[in-house]
Protein backbone atom coordinates (compact mmCIF):
# COMPACT_ATOMS: atom_id res chain seq x y z
CA MET A 1 7.69 27.08 37.69
CA ASN A 2 5.23 24.06 36.87
CA THR A 3 3.15 22.60 39.54
CA ALA A 4 3.13 18.84 39.79
CA PRO A 5 -0.37 17.42 39.15
CA THR A 6 -2.50 15.11 41.14
CA ILE A 7 -3.05 11.48 40.16
CA ARG A 8 -6.75 12.42 39.25
CA GLU A 9 -5.32 15.39 36.82
CA LEU A 10 -2.71 13.10 35.39
CA LEU A 11 -5.16 10.28 34.56
CA HIS A 12 -7.41 12.70 33.00
CA GLU A 13 -4.50 14.27 30.75
CA ALA A 14 -3.48 10.79 29.75
CA GLU A 15 -6.82 9.50 29.09
CA SER A 16 -7.37 12.49 26.74
CA LYS A 17 -4.22 11.67 24.69
CA LEU A 18 -5.10 8.01 24.50
CA HIS A 19 -8.59 8.59 23.21
CA ASN A 20 -7.76 6.44 19.83
CA SER A 21 -7.43 3.36 22.11
CA ASP A 22 -10.55 1.08 22.79
CA SER A 23 -9.17 1.04 26.49
CA ALA A 24 -7.93 4.66 27.10
CA ARG A 25 -8.86 4.68 30.77
CA LEU A 26 -7.39 1.42 31.56
CA ASP A 27 -4.31 1.94 29.66
CA ALA A 28 -3.84 5.28 31.51
CA GLU A 29 -4.21 3.55 35.07
CA ILE A 30 -1.82 0.56 34.02
CA LEU A 31 0.66 2.87 32.91
CA LEU A 32 0.52 5.14 36.13
CA CYS A 33 0.55 1.90 38.37
CA ASN A 34 3.67 0.99 36.59
CA VAL A 35 5.40 4.16 37.26
CA LEU A 36 4.44 4.45 40.87
CA ASP A 37 4.66 0.79 41.68
CA VAL A 38 1.14 0.80 43.26
CA ASP A 39 -2.08 -1.27 42.44
CA ARG A 40 -5.16 0.37 40.91
CA SER A 41 -7.02 0.68 44.08
CA ARG A 42 -4.41 3.22 45.25
CA LEU A 43 -5.28 5.46 42.30
CA TYR A 44 -8.83 5.65 43.53
CA SER A 45 -8.29 5.84 47.19
CA ALA A 46 -5.78 8.79 46.88
CA PRO A 47 -6.61 10.68 43.78
CA GLU A 48 -5.66 14.21 45.12
CA ASN A 49 -2.07 12.98 45.68
CA ILE A 50 0.70 15.00 44.29
CA ILE A 51 2.95 12.91 41.82
CA PRO A 52 6.60 13.97 41.85
CA LEU A 53 7.70 15.66 38.87
CA ASN A 54 10.35 12.92 37.90
CA ALA A 55 7.48 10.49 37.85
CA VAL A 56 5.44 12.68 35.82
CA ASN A 57 8.04 12.95 33.16
CA LEU A 58 8.51 9.35 32.81
CA TYR A 59 4.67 8.90 32.68
CA ARG A 60 4.26 11.33 30.14
CA SER A 61 6.81 9.51 28.04
CA LEU A 62 5.12 6.16 28.16
CA VAL A 63 1.70 7.86 27.34
CA GLN A 64 3.39 9.20 24.03
CA GLU A 65 4.67 5.91 23.33
CA ARG A 66 1.32 4.15 23.84
CA GLN A 67 -0.12 6.97 21.45
CA GLN A 68 2.17 5.84 18.91
CA GLY A 69 0.66 2.33 19.15
CA LYS A 70 3.32 0.71 21.22
CA PRO A 71 1.56 -2.31 23.42
CA ILE A 72 1.00 -1.83 26.91
CA ALA A 73 2.92 -4.99 27.72
CA TYR A 74 6.05 -3.61 25.92
CA LEU A 75 5.74 -0.42 28.00
CA THR A 76 5.24 -2.18 31.26
CA THR A 77 7.50 -5.14 30.25
CA THR A 78 5.33 -7.63 31.60
CA ARG A 79 1.97 -9.62 30.70
CA GLU A 80 -0.01 -11.95 32.71
CA PHE A 81 -0.87 -15.22 31.06
CA TRP A 82 -2.25 -18.32 33.06
CA SER A 83 -1.97 -16.44 36.16
CA LEU A 84 1.85 -16.05 35.70
CA GLU A 85 3.66 -12.75 35.13
CA PHE A 86 5.67 -13.13 31.98
CA GLN A 87 8.51 -10.68 31.06
CA VAL A 88 8.05 -9.42 27.32
CA ASN A 89 9.75 -7.17 24.96
CA GLU A 90 9.82 -6.32 21.30
CA HIS A 91 11.35 -9.58 20.44
CA THR A 92 8.34 -11.63 21.76
CA LEU A 93 4.77 -11.82 20.80
CA VAL A 94 2.59 -10.55 23.62
CA PRO A 95 0.77 -13.40 24.86
CA ARG A 96 -3.09 -13.50 24.10
CA PRO A 97 -5.87 -14.65 26.39
CA GLU A 98 -7.04 -16.99 23.45
CA THR A 99 -3.85 -18.96 23.67
CA GLU A 100 -4.84 -20.12 27.06
CA CYS A 101 -7.23 -22.31 25.07
CA LEU A 102 -4.31 -24.04 23.72
CA VAL A 103 -2.78 -24.61 27.07
CA GLU A 104 -6.27 -26.07 28.31
CA THR A 105 -6.25 -28.37 25.11
CA VAL A 106 -2.94 -29.82 26.15
CA LEU A 107 -3.76 -30.26 29.76
CA GLU A 108 -6.95 -32.11 28.75
CA LEU A 109 -4.78 -34.85 27.15
CA VAL A 110 -2.16 -35.06 29.85
CA PRO A 111 -3.11 -36.83 33.11
CA GLU A 112 -1.91 -35.32 36.22
CA ASN A 113 1.58 -36.87 37.12
CA ALA A 114 2.14 -38.16 33.59
CA GLU A 115 5.66 -38.06 32.30
CA LEU A 116 5.09 -37.24 28.61
CA ASP A 117 7.53 -35.73 26.15
CA ILE A 118 5.98 -32.38 24.85
CA VAL A 119 7.61 -29.80 22.40
CA ASP A 120 6.34 -26.07 21.96
CA LEU A 121 7.33 -24.93 18.68
CA GLY A 122 7.92 -21.24 18.46
CA THR A 123 7.90 -20.65 22.05
CA GLY A 124 8.45 -16.77 22.14
CA SER A 125 8.09 -15.54 25.65
CA GLY A 126 7.91 -19.26 26.79
CA ALA A 127 4.35 -18.63 27.87
CA ILE A 128 2.75 -21.82 26.59
CA ALA A 129 5.73 -24.28 27.66
CA ILE A 130 5.97 -22.60 31.13
CA ALA A 131 2.23 -22.65 31.55
CA ILE A 132 2.14 -26.51 30.98
CA ALA A 133 5.04 -27.00 32.93
CA SER A 134 3.56 -25.28 36.02
CA GLU A 135 0.49 -27.78 35.81
CA ARG A 136 2.32 -31.02 34.65
CA PRO A 137 5.85 -30.58 36.25
CA GLN A 138 6.56 -34.44 35.66
CA CYS A 139 6.50 -33.86 31.91
CA ARG A 140 9.62 -33.27 29.82
CA ILE A 141 9.20 -30.27 27.70
CA THR A 142 11.21 -28.74 25.23
CA ALA A 143 10.55 -25.18 23.71
CA THR A 144 11.96 -23.84 20.39
CA ASP A 145 12.48 -20.49 18.84
CA ILE A 146 14.26 -19.21 15.67
CA CYS A 147 15.01 -15.84 17.45
CA GLY A 148 17.64 -16.06 19.87
CA LEU A 149 16.72 -12.80 21.51
CA ALA A 150 13.12 -14.22 22.03
CA LEU A 151 14.61 -17.34 23.64
CA ALA A 152 16.56 -15.48 26.02
CA VAL A 153 13.44 -13.91 27.50
CA ALA A 154 11.89 -17.37 27.54
CA VAL A 155 14.81 -18.84 29.54
CA GLU A 156 14.60 -15.96 31.93
CA ASN A 157 10.84 -16.52 32.56
CA ALA A 158 11.47 -20.12 32.98
CA CYS A 159 13.97 -19.45 35.63
CA ARG A 160 12.00 -17.00 37.55
CA LEU A 161 8.82 -18.92 37.16
CA THR A 162 10.59 -22.10 38.56
CA ALA A 163 10.26 -23.96 35.40
CA SER A 164 13.94 -24.19 34.73
CA SER A 165 13.69 -27.83 33.48
CA ILE A 166 12.24 -26.87 30.26
CA LYS A 167 15.02 -27.60 27.49
CA PHE A 168 15.36 -24.68 25.01
CA VAL A 169 16.47 -24.97 21.75
CA LYS A 170 17.34 -22.40 19.04
CA CYS A 171 16.04 -23.73 15.74
CA ASP A 172 13.53 -23.30 12.78
CA TRP A 173 10.63 -25.41 13.69
CA TYR A 174 11.68 -28.78 13.72
CA ALA A 175 15.20 -28.22 12.16
CA GLY A 176 17.20 -28.57 15.52
CA LEU A 177 15.21 -31.42 17.11
CA ARG A 178 16.27 -35.02 17.26
CA ASP A 179 13.91 -36.35 19.58
CA THR A 180 10.29 -37.45 19.29
CA PHE A 181 7.39 -36.20 21.37
CA ASP A 182 4.06 -37.36 22.66
CA ILE A 183 2.75 -33.97 21.98
CA ILE A 184 3.65 -31.28 19.65
CA VAL A 185 1.95 -27.90 20.51
CA SER A 186 2.25 -24.51 18.78
CA ASN A 187 0.98 -21.14 18.28
CA PRO A 188 2.80 -20.27 14.92
CA PRO A 189 2.65 -16.98 12.74
CA TYR A 190 -0.85 -17.24 10.97
CA ILE A 191 -1.71 -13.95 9.90
CA ARG A 192 -1.62 -13.07 6.05
CA ASN A 193 1.15 -10.75 5.19
CA ASP A 194 -1.22 -8.17 3.66
CA ASP A 195 -3.83 -8.26 6.48
CA ALA A 196 -4.90 -5.00 7.50
CA HIS A 197 -4.56 -6.03 11.25
CA MET A 198 -1.03 -5.97 10.94
CA GLN A 199 -1.25 -2.07 10.96
CA GLY A 200 -3.52 -2.08 14.14
CA ASP A 201 -3.01 -0.74 17.55
CA GLY A 202 -0.08 -2.70 19.18
CA VAL A 203 0.28 -5.20 16.58
CA ALA A 204 2.36 -3.31 14.18
CA HIS A 205 5.09 -3.09 16.99
CA GLU A 206 5.34 -6.80 17.57
CA PRO A 207 7.81 -8.92 15.65
CA GLY A 208 6.58 -9.77 12.22
CA ILE A 209 8.28 -13.14 12.21
CA ALA A 210 6.07 -14.29 15.12
CA LEU A 211 2.72 -12.93 13.32
CA CYS A 212 3.13 -13.22 9.53
CA GLY A 213 2.38 -16.48 7.91
CA GLY A 214 3.00 -15.79 4.43
CA ALA A 215 0.51 -14.95 1.47
CA ASP A 216 -2.36 -16.99 2.96
CA GLY A 217 -1.09 -16.99 6.58
CA LEU A 218 -0.49 -20.75 6.44
CA ASP A 219 3.14 -21.33 5.68
CA ALA A 220 4.05 -22.11 9.13
CA ILE A 221 1.08 -24.26 9.86
CA ARG A 222 1.91 -26.23 6.44
CA ASN A 223 5.58 -26.81 7.65
CA ILE A 224 4.24 -28.08 11.14
CA ILE A 225 1.61 -30.31 9.89
CA SER A 226 3.28 -31.95 7.08
CA ASN A 227 6.43 -32.69 9.17
CA ALA A 228 4.89 -33.68 12.34
CA ALA A 229 4.55 -37.45 11.95
CA ARG A 230 8.50 -37.88 12.05
CA PHE A 231 8.46 -36.24 15.31
CA LEU A 232 5.58 -37.87 16.86
CA ASN A 233 5.66 -40.99 18.95
CA PRO A 234 2.87 -43.61 18.11
CA ASP A 235 -0.59 -42.15 19.05
CA GLY A 236 1.08 -38.70 19.52
CA ARG A 237 -0.74 -35.44 19.17
CA LEU A 238 -0.39 -32.41 17.28
CA ILE A 239 -2.23 -29.32 18.70
CA ILE A 240 -2.18 -25.98 16.81
CA GLU A 241 -3.61 -22.40 17.20
CA HIS A 242 -4.93 -20.81 13.95
CA GLY A 243 -7.00 -17.80 12.80
CA HIS A 244 -10.61 -18.05 13.53
CA ASP A 245 -11.26 -18.29 9.71
CA GLN A 246 -8.80 -21.00 8.91
CA ALA A 247 -10.26 -24.03 10.78
CA GLN A 248 -11.26 -25.61 7.72
CA ALA A 249 -8.13 -25.21 5.88
CA VAL A 250 -6.21 -26.46 8.95
CA ARG A 251 -8.54 -29.56 9.21
CA SER A 252 -7.90 -30.31 5.44
CA MET A 253 -4.15 -30.37 6.26
CA PHE A 254 -4.49 -32.62 9.16
CA GLU A 255 -6.45 -35.06 7.07
CA LYS A 256 -4.11 -34.81 4.07
CA PHE A 257 -1.33 -36.00 6.33
CA HIS A 258 -3.43 -38.75 7.76
CA PHE A 259 -4.20 -37.60 11.36
CA THR A 260 -7.28 -39.18 12.94
CA HIS A 261 -9.39 -37.96 15.88
CA ILE A 262 -9.25 -34.53 14.49
CA GLN A 263 -11.27 -31.91 16.44
CA ALA A 264 -11.70 -28.13 16.58
CA ARG A 265 -11.90 -26.26 19.73
CA PRO A 266 -13.42 -22.63 20.12
CA ASP A 267 -11.83 -19.83 21.99
CA TYR A 268 -13.66 -17.58 24.54
CA SER A 269 -15.53 -15.75 21.75
CA GLY A 270 -16.77 -19.04 20.35
CA LEU A 271 -14.66 -18.97 17.45
CA ASP A 272 -12.85 -22.07 16.23
CA ARG A 273 -9.14 -21.42 17.19
CA ILE A 274 -7.55 -24.65 18.13
CA THR A 275 -7.31 -27.93 16.03
CA ARG A 276 -5.80 -31.06 17.31
CA GLY A 277 -5.26 -34.53 15.82
CA LYS A 278 -3.69 -37.83 16.49
CA ARG A 279 -0.94 -39.55 14.43
CA GLN A 280 -2.13 -42.34 12.40
CA HIS A 281 -0.62 -45.66 13.16
CA ALA A 282 2.14 -46.52 10.58
């Protein structure tokens, strides 16, 4: 007869199995908290507590999936972004911390109580649109995605996080839009199709359509920049996240399509990650 393990024993077992992860101990703790529905302090305050076998079996199955590279966020079905808890699944990109810089850039351009029209292209889980809505509730926000399954997650997140006024549209970038906007914001796919990172821990399980941007990683960015003027109001702004090594190429595209006031913004690691520009007067 198997003896149920303690919290300490189970964490040690999981940490040893997840040795290929850069955050093996943290991964083990997050998964156990998820199974037991407790916070991490409980793991340290009662390490000798016995874990029921049904919980042990569930935990071990999650650890096995993590060993295979599945992102923690998919295993727990949640990810924190902008201090909000988002539901995520295999149809959505896992929101990254650096994308909060994109939200910050938008907020710098939108005064409190402003009533601007903003569109988030390729919204995925809705993280960007919902974060903006939480800070600028008077703005009229539209969010688009080509994937209906991702859009369903975004709608659910918006309802749960009291951002139900966001208008969601299923379309390929601008294809389904008829309005014009004061701000276009996007975190489009920008990884090269052959980039080795696509086989990295976690990333290989995320939707390729949300990550891969063609041979040079810039296909979606070209589409967004080249068509932006038609969907921007006078003095409207375009704000795009891109790869840390793509800032000059993106700036050149902004210049080619006659944007002014072009600025790059670094992420939290000091790498240029965001580019913004202003629509030139006709």
